[in-house]
Amino acid sequence: MRMLPDTFACCQQPTAVFGYGTRRLPNNGGIGERPWSASLSFAMLAPLKKFRNPHACDLEPMRRKPTARNEPSLASTTALPEPPLQRPILVYLQAILPSLNPTERQIGEYVLEDPERVLSSSISDVRRGSGASVGSIVGFCRLLGVTGFANFKISLARELAQGGFSAGLKSAEDQGSLYESVFQFHAQSLRETLQLNSEATLEQASRMIELARRVEFFSIGMSYPVAYTACNKLRLIGIAATTQSDSHLQLIAATQLQKGDVAFGISCSGSTYETVQCLQTARQNKATTLSVTNCMKSPITEHSDLVLCATPSEVKYFQAPLASRITQLALLDALFVSIAQRRKNKTAAHLQRAGEKLLEHRLIKKA
């Protein structure tokens, strides 16, 4: 038990401040016995602020322990290594480019045209090259999730060093075989799509589909085969999924959805009127809305509770991104496998029953 110094002589000279025994205090107004620690106030300890006797007691044990509210924890103050980029900055820029205003799009196109040129450029060089103001360039950097142009260049350099940007298909002379270039491009698009969607987001999407009373797919044009394929795969393992090939029938189906159902929209541009309208209608009826798109911040995302992003493609083929369907199918296959793994017994039973019936429709070669 440690003793207080003489500076407490004016405070009734308590002797066992840090003990947890009890003792009757003089002139305590009939309170009786109570712990010494409860009888002291911080005002009584004020004289110790000027007292620096080496034999004096340490006041730290008496101070209130810091909490998360009044002082950061050690974990928050310790310098930790920066986590890897979950969303590649150039891929993200490609995805949101159609939704940017004219000035932001002008800067974005200048960056995507030659990212390596930006690394060796000052903000004034970018201003002259893009035709935008310095303030617009800084705002553009913040739009991408970095605080300023300097941090933007650091993130850009890190991404280029890791080879995280696909510049599209180059000529056969640069990359060898044209066919090999196509396969490499698709492989790169799949890697970028995986980076754009966290595991938690994919897990949440698969849970939404698995727990839904009914899943209705909405899509038209070149994205419709993706919706049709996903619908059939889910039905194969016992998930109640449907889709309509006619846009008017899709809208009718959207009006019949209710709480507990999932409306799943697939659109490469994210701006297809019919698909967006179906999701909007389904959401008004309290259905959960989910979407896959190659264009972030597009109209379809405004009516989606959860969005999965496929890698945008700058290589056009008949006005459609070359890798859009490949990346969309990969996302839907990931959801399908996740659901099937959680429902192993049910999946096995459904596959066995379906397989036995489908075998009856196979052409068997006679011996």
Protein backbone atom coordinates (compact mmCIF):
# COMPACT_ATOMS: atom_id res chain seq x y z
CA MET A 1 0.00 0.00 0.00
CA ARG A 2 1.53 3.28 -1.12
CA MET A 3 1.42 6.51 0.85
CA LEU A 4 0.42 9.93 -0.39
CA PRO A 5 2.82 12.86 0.03
CA ASP A 6 2.40 15.73 2.48
CA THR A 7 0.62 17.83 -0.10
CA PHE A 8 -2.57 16.07 0.96
CA ALA A 9 -2.43 17.48 4.42
CA CYS A 10 -5.15 19.94 3.51
CA CYS A 11 -7.41 17.11 2.33
CA GLN A 12 -7.97 15.28 5.65
CA GLN A 13 -4.78 13.28 5.07
CA PRO A 14 -6.18 10.03 3.69
CA THR A 15 -3.59 7.27 3.92
CA ALA A 16 -4.75 4.33 1.84
CA VAL A 17 -5.76 5.79 -1.46
CA PHE A 18 -4.95 2.77 -3.60
CA GLY A 19 -6.19 0.18 -1.19
CA TYR A 20 -9.62 -1.31 -1.52
CA GLY A 21 -10.25 -1.67 2.20
CA THR A 22 -12.71 0.56 4.01
CA ARG A 23 -12.28 3.06 6.84
CA ARG A 24 -14.58 5.52 8.52
CA LEU A 25 -13.92 9.03 7.26
CA PRO A 26 -14.11 11.96 9.68
CA ASN A 27 -16.87 14.51 9.07
CA ASN A 28 -18.44 12.47 6.36
CA GLY A 29 -21.94 13.46 7.21
CA GLY A 30 -22.97 10.06 8.51
CA ILE A 31 -22.21 8.27 5.28
CA GLY A 32 -20.38 5.53 7.11
CA GLU A 33 -17.86 3.20 5.63
CA ARG A 34 -16.98 3.36 1.93
CA PRO A 35 -13.90 2.63 -0.17
CA TRP A 36 -11.12 5.21 -0.07
CA SER A 37 -11.00 5.15 -3.89
CA ALA A 38 -14.65 6.17 -4.00
CA SER A 39 -14.14 9.02 -1.51
CA LEU A 40 -11.42 10.79 -3.49
CA SER A 41 -12.09 13.29 -6.20
CA PHE A 42 -9.76 14.49 -8.91
CA ALA A 43 -9.92 17.94 -7.42
CA MET A 44 -8.10 16.56 -4.36
CA LEU A 45 -5.28 15.39 -6.64
CA ALA A 46 -4.71 18.82 -8.19
CA PRO A 47 -1.74 19.74 -5.93
CA LEU A 48 0.16 16.74 -7.30
CA LYS A 49 0.42 18.37 -10.72
CA LYS A 50 3.18 20.60 -9.37
CA PHE A 51 4.71 18.02 -7.10
CA ARG A 52 7.62 16.11 -8.62
CA ASN A 53 8.94 14.15 -5.66
CA PRO A 54 10.59 10.97 -6.96
CA HIS A 55 9.04 9.09 -4.02
CA ALA A 56 5.57 10.31 -4.82
CA CYS A 57 2.95 7.85 -5.95
CA ASP A 58 2.14 7.23 -9.58
CA LEU A 59 -1.23 8.68 -10.49
CA GLU A 60 -1.65 6.72 -13.70
CA PRO A 61 -3.56 3.85 -12.03
CA MET A 62 -6.16 6.33 -10.78
CA ARG A 63 -6.86 7.88 -14.16
CA ARG A 64 -9.75 6.66 -16.18
CA LYS A 65 -8.65 4.11 -18.74
CA PRO A 66 -8.89 5.37 -22.29
CA THR A 67 -11.71 4.09 -24.39
CA ALA A 68 -12.30 3.97 -28.08
CA ARG A 69 -14.31 7.17 -27.77
CA ASN A 70 -11.70 9.39 -26.13
CA GLU A 71 -8.47 7.84 -27.38
CA PRO A 72 -7.62 5.64 -30.37
CA SER A 73 -6.61 2.09 -29.70
CA LEU A 74 -3.17 0.71 -30.38
CA ALA A 75 -4.42 -1.12 -33.40
CA SER A 76 -5.60 2.10 -34.98
CA THR A 77 -2.42 4.02 -34.30
CA THR A 78 0.06 1.33 -35.29
CA ALA A 79 1.25 1.74 -38.85
CA LEU A 80 -0.03 -1.20 -40.84
CA PRO A 81 0.90 -2.08 -44.39
CA GLU A 82 -1.42 -0.58 -46.95
CA PRO A 83 -3.93 -3.15 -48.20
CA PRO A 84 -3.84 -4.01 -51.89
CA LEU A 85 -6.13 -2.10 -54.20
CA GLN A 86 -9.49 -3.79 -54.26
CA ARG A 87 -10.57 -1.82 -57.30
CA PRO A 88 -8.04 -1.11 -60.08
CA ILE A 89 -8.13 2.60 -60.75
CA LEU A 90 -7.87 2.36 -64.55
CA VAL A 91 -10.42 -0.42 -64.81
CA TYR A 92 -12.76 1.57 -62.58
CA LEU A 93 -12.22 4.63 -64.78
CA GLN A 94 -13.14 2.64 -67.87
CA ALA A 95 -16.30 1.44 -66.15
CA ILE A 96 -17.56 4.87 -65.09
CA LEU A 97 -16.39 6.76 -68.19
CA PRO A 98 -19.81 6.78 -69.94
CA SER A 99 -21.47 8.26 -66.84
CA LEU A 100 -19.01 11.15 -66.38
CA ASN A 101 -19.78 14.72 -67.29
CA PRO A 102 -18.08 16.14 -70.42
CA THR A 103 -15.13 17.66 -68.53
CA GLU A 104 -14.48 14.54 -66.45
CA ARG A 105 -14.79 12.34 -69.51
CA GLN A 106 -12.29 14.53 -71.33
CA ILE A 107 -9.75 14.02 -68.53
CA GLY A 108 -10.54 10.30 -68.33
CA GLU A 109 -10.02 9.77 -72.04
CA TYR A 110 -6.71 11.63 -71.86
CA VAL A 111 -5.55 9.33 -69.02
CA LEU A 112 -6.70 6.13 -70.70
CA GLU A 113 -5.12 7.12 -74.00
CA ASP A 114 -1.64 6.83 -72.50
CA PRO A 115 -1.44 6.16 -68.74
CA GLU A 116 2.36 6.06 -68.78
CA ARG A 117 2.44 9.59 -70.17
CA VAL A 118 0.53 10.81 -67.13
CA LEU A 119 3.19 9.41 -64.80
CA SER A 120 5.82 11.77 -66.20
CA SER A 121 3.44 14.74 -66.50
CA SER A 122 2.74 17.54 -64.10
CA ILE A 123 -0.79 18.70 -63.40
CA SER A 124 -0.13 21.60 -65.75
CA ASP A 125 0.81 19.16 -68.52
CA VAL A 126 -2.43 17.26 -67.98
CA ARG A 127 -4.33 20.54 -67.99
CA ARG A 128 -2.87 21.48 -71.36
CA GLY A 129 -3.31 18.00 -72.80
CA SER A 130 -6.88 17.46 -71.67
CA GLY A 131 -8.11 21.04 -71.89
CA ALA A 132 -9.56 20.91 -68.37
CA SER A 133 -8.81 23.21 -65.45
CA VAL A 134 -6.58 22.31 -62.52
CA GLY A 135 -9.60 22.27 -60.22
CA SER A 136 -11.40 19.84 -62.51
CA ILE A 137 -8.37 17.55 -62.53
CA VAL A 138 -8.20 17.52 -58.73
CA GLY A 139 -11.94 16.80 -58.55
CA PHE A 140 -11.45 14.02 -61.09
CA CYS A 141 -8.78 12.43 -58.88
CA ARG A 142 -11.09 12.56 -55.86
CA LEU A 143 -13.82 10.95 -57.94
CA LEU A 144 -11.49 7.97 -58.39
CA GLY A 145 -10.93 7.69 -54.63
CA VAL A 146 -7.57 9.47 -54.26
CA THR A 147 -6.98 12.75 -52.47
CA GLY A 148 -5.08 14.58 -55.20
CA PHE A 149 -3.06 14.43 -58.38
CA ALA A 150 0.14 13.30 -56.63
CA ASN A 151 -1.61 10.35 -54.98
CA PHE A 152 -3.30 9.57 -58.27
CA LYS A 153 0.09 9.23 -59.96
CA ILE A 154 1.33 6.98 -57.13
CA SER A 155 -1.69 4.68 -57.47
CA LEU A 156 -1.35 4.72 -61.24
CA ALA A 157 2.34 3.82 -61.10
CA ARG A 158 1.66 0.95 -58.69
CA GLU A 159 -1.06 -0.42 -60.92
CA LEU A 160 0.99 -0.20 -64.11
CA ALA A 161 3.93 -1.86 -62.37
CA GLN A 162 1.69 -4.77 -61.42
CA GLY A 163 0.41 -5.08 -64.97
CA GLY A 164 -3.15 -4.39 -63.89
CA PHE A 165 -4.29 -2.57 -67.01
CA SER A 166 -5.25 -4.13 -70.29
CA ALA A 167 -4.64 -1.84 -73.22
CA GLY A 168 -6.84 -3.93 -75.48
CA LEU A 169 -5.99 -5.94 -78.49
CA LYS A 170 -2.82 -4.89 -80.23
CA SER A 171 -1.69 -5.76 -83.68
CA ALA A 172 -0.52 -9.25 -84.47
CA GLU A 173 3.00 -7.92 -84.97
CA ASP A 174 3.15 -6.69 -81.37
CA GLN A 175 1.73 -9.75 -79.63
CA GLY A 176 2.28 -12.53 -82.12
CA SER A 177 -0.78 -14.48 -83.18
CA LEU A 178 -4.09 -12.60 -83.36
CA TYR A 179 -5.87 -15.63 -81.91
CA GLU A 180 -3.48 -15.69 -78.98
CA SER A 181 -4.17 -11.99 -78.41
CA VAL A 182 -7.91 -12.62 -78.15
CA PHE A 183 -7.40 -15.32 -75.52
CA GLN A 184 -5.00 -13.13 -73.57
CA PHE A 185 -7.46 -10.28 -73.66
CA HIS A 186 -10.24 -12.45 -72.26
CA ALA A 187 -7.96 -13.80 -69.54
CA GLN A 188 -7.00 -10.27 -68.50
CA SER A 189 -10.65 -9.18 -68.48
CA LEU A 190 -11.54 -12.05 -66.16
CA ARG A 191 -8.74 -11.11 -63.75
CA GLU A 192 -9.91 -7.50 -63.69
CA THR A 193 -13.51 -8.56 -63.08
CA LEU A 194 -12.42 -10.56 -60.06
CA GLN A 195 -10.61 -7.49 -58.71
CA LEU A 196 -13.69 -5.32 -59.14
CA ASN A 197 -15.93 -7.58 -57.04
CA SER A 198 -14.98 -8.47 -53.49
CA GLU A 199 -15.61 -11.92 -52.09
CA ALA A 200 -18.07 -10.43 -49.61
CA THR A 201 -20.12 -8.90 -52.44
CA LEU A 202 -20.23 -12.17 -54.36
CA GLU A 203 -21.18 -14.05 -51.20
CA GLN A 204 -24.00 -11.61 -50.51
CA ALA A 205 -25.32 -11.94 -54.05
CA SER A 206 -25.31 -15.74 -53.92
CA ARG A 207 -27.15 -15.69 -50.58
CA MET A 208 -29.79 -13.37 -52.01
CA ILE A 209 -30.43 -15.79 -54.87
CA GLU A 210 -30.39 -18.91 -52.69
CA LEU A 211 -32.89 -17.52 -50.17
CA ALA A 212 -35.22 -15.98 -52.75
CA ARG A 213 -38.72 -17.32 -53.19
CA ARG A 214 -38.38 -16.69 -56.91
CA VAL A 215 -35.65 -15.30 -59.18
CA GLU A 216 -36.66 -13.45 -62.34
CA PHE A 217 -34.03 -12.46 -64.91
CA PHE A 218 -34.40 -9.35 -67.04
CA SER A 219 -32.24 -8.73 -70.10
CA ILE A 220 -32.52 -8.12 -73.83
CA GLY A 221 -30.17 -7.99 -76.80
CA MET A 222 -26.75 -9.59 -76.61
CA SER A 223 -26.94 -9.88 -72.81
CA TYR A 224 -30.08 -12.02 -72.94
CA PRO A 225 -28.21 -15.30 -73.67
CA VAL A 226 -26.30 -14.72 -70.43
CA ALA A 227 -29.55 -14.35 -68.48
CA TYR A 228 -31.04 -17.40 -70.19
CA THR A 229 -27.99 -19.53 -69.38
CA ALA A 230 -27.91 -18.41 -65.74
CA CYS A 231 -31.62 -19.08 -65.36
CA ASN A 232 -31.30 -22.64 -66.68
CA LYS A 233 -28.32 -23.42 -64.44
CA LEU A 234 -30.20 -22.30 -61.34
CA ARG A 235 -33.24 -24.36 -62.29
CA LEU A 236 -30.97 -27.36 -62.72
CA ILE A 237 -30.12 -27.29 -58.98
CA GLY A 238 -33.63 -26.56 -57.78
CA ILE A 239 -33.69 -22.73 -57.63
CA ALA A 240 -36.99 -21.28 -58.84
CA ALA A 241 -35.72 -19.08 -61.67
CA THR A 242 -37.50 -17.84 -64.78
CA THR A 243 -36.94 -15.43 -67.65
CA GLN A 244 -38.92 -14.19 -70.63
CA SER A 245 -37.55 -13.54 -74.11
CA ASP A 246 -40.03 -10.77 -74.89
CA SER A 247 -39.45 -7.38 -73.24
CA HIS A 248 -43.20 -6.80 -72.71
CA LEU A 249 -43.54 -10.16 -70.96
CA GLN A 250 -40.55 -9.25 -68.82
CA LEU A 251 -42.31 -6.07 -67.71
CA ILE A 252 -45.43 -8.07 -66.85
CA ALA A 253 -43.30 -10.46 -64.80
CA ALA A 254 -41.77 -7.50 -62.97
CA THR A 255 -45.22 -6.31 -61.88
CA GLN A 256 -45.89 -9.72 -60.32
CA LEU A 257 -42.81 -9.81 -58.13
CA GLN A 258 -43.14 -9.11 -54.43
CA LYS A 259 -41.18 -9.07 -51.19
CA GLY A 260 -39.00 -12.17 -50.97
CA ASP A 261 -38.41 -12.32 -54.72
CA VAL A 262 -35.23 -11.31 -56.55
CA ALA A 263 -35.21 -9.32 -59.78
CA PHE A 264 -31.92 -9.91 -61.59
CA GLY A 265 -31.06 -7.46 -64.38
CA ILE A 266 -28.18 -7.94 -66.81
CA SER A 267 -27.11 -5.09 -69.07
CA CYS A 268 -23.75 -4.36 -70.62
CA SER A 269 -24.32 -0.62 -70.90
CA GLY A 270 -26.49 -0.41 -67.80
CA SER A 271 -28.70 2.00 -69.75
CA THR A 272 -31.07 -0.35 -71.59
CA TYR A 273 -34.49 1.19 -70.99
CA GLU A 274 -36.48 -2.05 -70.84
CA THR A 275 -34.15 -3.72 -68.33
CA VAL A 276 -33.92 -0.64 -66.12
CA GLN A 277 -37.69 -0.23 -66.18
CA CYS A 278 -38.21 -3.85 -65.09
CA LEU A 279 -35.87 -3.44 -62.11
CA GLN A 280 -37.53 -0.16 -61.15
CA THR A 281 -40.96 -1.79 -61.27
CA ALA A 282 -39.82 -4.80 -59.25
CA ARG A 283 -38.26 -2.57 -56.62
CA GLN A 284 -41.48 -0.62 -56.27
CA ASN A 285 -43.16 -3.93 -55.46
CA LYS A 286 -40.64 -4.54 -52.61
CA ALA A 287 -38.65 -7.18 -54.48
CA THR A 288 -34.88 -7.33 -53.99
CA THR A 289 -33.01 -6.11 -57.05
CA LEU A 290 -29.65 -7.40 -58.27
CA SER A 291 -27.76 -6.44 -61.41
CA VAL A 292 -24.69 -7.26 -63.49
CA THR A 293 -23.33 -4.49 -65.69
CA ASN A 294 -20.14 -3.47 -67.45
CA CYS A 295 -20.76 0.20 -66.73
CA MET A 296 -20.57 1.49 -63.17
CA LYS A 297 -22.74 4.43 -62.13
CA SER A 298 -25.15 3.66 -64.97
CA PRO A 299 -28.95 4.01 -64.58
CA ILE A 300 -29.41 0.32 -63.71
CA THR A 301 -27.28 0.73 -60.57
CA GLU A 302 -29.70 3.36 -59.24
CA HIS A 303 -32.43 0.72 -59.03
CA SER A 304 -30.26 -2.15 -57.74
CA ASP A 305 -29.82 -3.19 -54.13
CA LEU A 306 -26.57 -4.92 -55.10
CA VAL A 307 -24.41 -4.46 -58.20
CA LEU A 308 -21.85 -6.85 -59.68
CA CYS A 309 -19.41 -5.19 -62.06
CA ALA A 310 -18.01 -6.91 -65.11
CA THR A 311 -14.86 -5.48 -66.65
CA PRO A 312 -15.57 -2.85 -69.31
CA SER A 313 -14.00 -3.44 -72.68
CA GLU A 314 -12.60 -0.81 -74.99
CA VAL A 315 -12.47 -3.26 -77.90
CA LYS A 316 -15.72 -3.09 -79.86
CA TYR A 317 -17.18 -5.79 -82.05
CA PHE A 318 -20.50 -4.91 -83.70
CA GLN A 319 -20.89 -2.08 -81.17
CA ALA A 320 -20.66 -4.48 -78.22
CA PRO A 321 -17.69 -4.92 -75.88
CA LEU A 322 -15.79 -8.03 -76.89
CA ALA A 323 -15.36 -9.45 -73.38
CA SER A 324 -18.68 -8.38 -71.88
CA ARG A 325 -20.47 -11.73 -72.11
CA ILE A 326 -17.40 -13.69 -71.00
CA THR A 327 -17.05 -11.66 -67.79
CA GLN A 328 -20.79 -11.66 -67.14
CA LEU A 329 -20.93 -15.43 -67.49
CA ALA A 330 -17.95 -15.80 -65.16
CA LEU A 331 -19.72 -13.79 -62.45
CA LEU A 332 -22.90 -15.84 -62.79
CA ASP A 333 -20.94 -19.10 -62.80
CA ALA A 334 -19.25 -18.03 -59.56
CA LEU A 335 -22.66 -17.44 -57.97
CA PHE A 336 -23.94 -20.77 -59.29
CA VAL A 337 -21.01 -22.76 -57.90
CA SER A 338 -21.26 -20.97 -54.54
CA ILE A 339 -24.95 -21.87 -54.19
CA ALA A 340 -24.38 -25.45 -55.34
CA GLN A 341 -21.59 -25.95 -52.79
CA ARG A 342 -23.80 -24.79 -49.90
CA ARG A 343 -26.62 -27.08 -51.05
CA LYS A 344 -24.54 -30.17 -51.75
CA ASN A 345 -27.19 -32.75 -50.87
CA LYS A 346 -30.01 -30.96 -52.65
CA THR A 347 -27.79 -30.21 -55.63
CA ALA A 348 -26.73 -33.84 -55.94
CA ALA A 349 -30.34 -35.02 -55.78
CA HIS A 350 -31.53 -32.55 -58.42
CA LEU A 351 -28.62 -33.33 -60.74
CA GLN A 352 -29.20 -37.07 -60.44
CA ARG A 353 -32.91 -36.84 -61.26
CA ALA A 354 -32.30 -34.47 -64.14
CA GLY A 355 -29.42 -36.57 -65.46
CA GLU A 356 -31.46 -39.75 -65.51
CA LYS A 357 -34.19 -38.14 -67.60
CA LEU A 358 -31.79 -36.33 -69.92
CA LEU A 359 -29.99 -39.59 -70.69
CA GLU A 360 -33.18 -40.82 -72.31
CA HIS A 361 -32.80 -38.09 -74.94
CA ARG A 362 -29.17 -38.83 -75.80
CA LEU A 363 -28.20 -40.63 -78.95
CA ILE A 364 -26.48 -43.83 -77.89
CA LYS A 365 -24.08 -45.38 -80.34
CA LYS A 366 -25.00 -48.98 -81.00
CA ALA A 367 -22.30 -51.60 -80.59
